[in-house]
């Protein structure tokens, strides 16, 4: 059995969080304000892309994101093998 990695330890820590307040407290300690803004921006872009009906330019304006961020998130939604955005978007719809 392989030795757990530091990334595994982070995953395990995230999996212990049970409420929005707990997640907020952990992320506030873990991330800089700029990192949290970047996460929020990307997640907003992912949700807007998933909802459809808007151009990349409109999404960038609404999410206060760069067009490059919109394109990058769109690529991860469509092409990348991880499909992390898709997993969470679909679970939130269920």
Protein backbone atom coordinates (compact mmCIF):
# COMPACT_ATOMS: atom_id res chain seq x y z
CA UNK A 1 0.00 0.00 0.00
CA UNK A 2 1.52 3.35 -1.03
CA UNK A 3 2.38 5.92 1.60
CA UNK A 4 -0.20 8.77 1.76
CA UNK A 5 1.02 12.00 0.20
CA UNK A 6 0.71 15.55 1.48
CA UNK A 7 -2.04 15.99 -1.11
CA UNK A 8 -3.87 12.99 0.36
CA UNK A 9 -3.63 14.65 3.78
CA UNK A 10 -5.21 17.82 2.37
CA UNK A 11 -7.99 15.79 0.78
CA UNK A 12 -8.63 14.03 4.08
CA UNK A 13 -8.77 17.39 5.87
CA UNK A 14 -11.30 18.76 3.36
CA UNK A 15 -13.44 15.65 3.72
CA UNK A 16 -13.82 16.29 7.47
CA UNK A 17 -15.58 19.63 6.93
CA UNK A 18 -19.32 19.48 7.52
CA UNK A 19 -20.74 23.01 7.23
CA UNK A 20 -20.24 26.14 5.16
CA UNK A 21 -18.87 27.84 8.26
CA UNK A 22 -16.27 25.11 8.72
CA UNK A 23 -15.26 25.29 5.07
CA UNK A 24 -15.04 29.08 5.26
CA UNK A 25 -12.87 28.97 8.39
CA UNK A 26 -10.52 26.36 6.94
CA UNK A 27 -10.17 28.13 3.58
CA UNK A 28 -9.61 31.48 5.32
CA UNK A 29 -6.70 29.93 7.21
CA UNK A 30 -5.37 27.94 4.26
CA UNK A 31 -5.60 30.47 1.42
CA UNK A 32 -4.72 34.08 0.83
CA UNK A 33 -7.58 36.48 0.03
CA UNK A 34 -6.35 36.54 -3.59
CA UNK A 35 -6.45 32.74 -3.80
CA UNK A 36 -9.99 32.67 -2.42
CA UNK A 37 -11.06 35.31 -4.95
CA UNK A 38 -9.53 33.23 -7.74
CA UNK A 39 -11.35 30.08 -6.56
CA UNK A 40 -14.62 32.00 -6.33
CA UNK A 41 -14.11 33.53 -9.76
CA UNK A 42 -13.41 30.15 -11.40
CA UNK A 43 -16.40 28.53 -9.70
CA UNK A 44 -18.66 31.39 -10.80
CA UNK A 45 -17.40 30.99 -14.38
CA UNK A 46 -18.00 27.22 -14.25
CA UNK A 47 -21.58 27.70 -13.05
CA UNK A 48 -22.30 30.33 -15.70
CA UNK A 49 -20.83 28.16 -18.45
CA UNK A 50 -22.88 25.20 -17.26
CA UNK A 51 -26.07 27.27 -17.24
CA UNK A 52 -25.51 28.22 -20.88
CA UNK A 53 -27.08 31.03 -22.82
CA UNK A 54 -24.27 33.56 -22.40
CA UNK A 55 -21.24 34.39 -24.46
CA UNK A 56 -17.76 34.07 -23.02
CA UNK A 57 -17.56 37.87 -23.00
CA UNK A 58 -20.80 38.13 -21.00
CA UNK A 59 -19.58 35.48 -18.56
CA UNK A 60 -16.26 37.27 -18.10
CA UNK A 61 -18.07 40.52 -17.32
CA UNK A 62 -20.57 38.93 -14.93
CA UNK A 63 -17.93 36.90 -13.08
CA UNK A 64 -15.44 39.79 -13.14
CA UNK A 65 -13.00 37.35 -14.73
CA UNK A 66 -10.61 37.63 -17.62
CA UNK A 67 -11.56 36.09 -20.95
CA UNK A 68 -8.54 33.81 -20.48
CA UNK A 69 -10.05 32.45 -17.26
CA UNK A 70 -13.36 31.79 -19.00
CA UNK A 71 -11.63 29.91 -21.81
CA UNK A 72 -9.52 27.90 -19.35
CA UNK A 73 -12.52 26.88 -17.23
CA UNK A 74 -14.48 26.01 -20.38
CA UNK A 75 -11.63 23.78 -21.52
CA UNK A 76 -11.58 21.99 -18.16
CA UNK A 77 -15.35 21.51 -18.34
CA UNK A 78 -15.22 20.06 -21.85
CA UNK A 79 -11.88 18.38 -22.43
CA UNK A 80 -9.86 17.59 -19.35
CA UNK A 81 -9.97 14.09 -17.91
CA UNK A 82 -10.40 15.13 -14.26
CA UNK A 83 -13.99 16.36 -14.68
CA UNK A 84 -13.97 17.84 -11.17
CA UNK A 85 -16.12 20.81 -12.16
CA UNK A 86 -18.61 18.49 -13.86
CA UNK A 87 -18.79 16.16 -10.86
CA UNK A 88 -19.67 18.95 -8.46
CA UNK A 89 -22.01 20.78 -10.85
CA UNK A 90 -23.97 17.56 -11.43
CA UNK A 91 -24.10 16.72 -7.72
CA UNK A 92 -25.44 20.17 -6.88
CA UNK A 93 -28.22 19.69 -9.46
CA UNK A 94 -29.31 16.36 -7.95
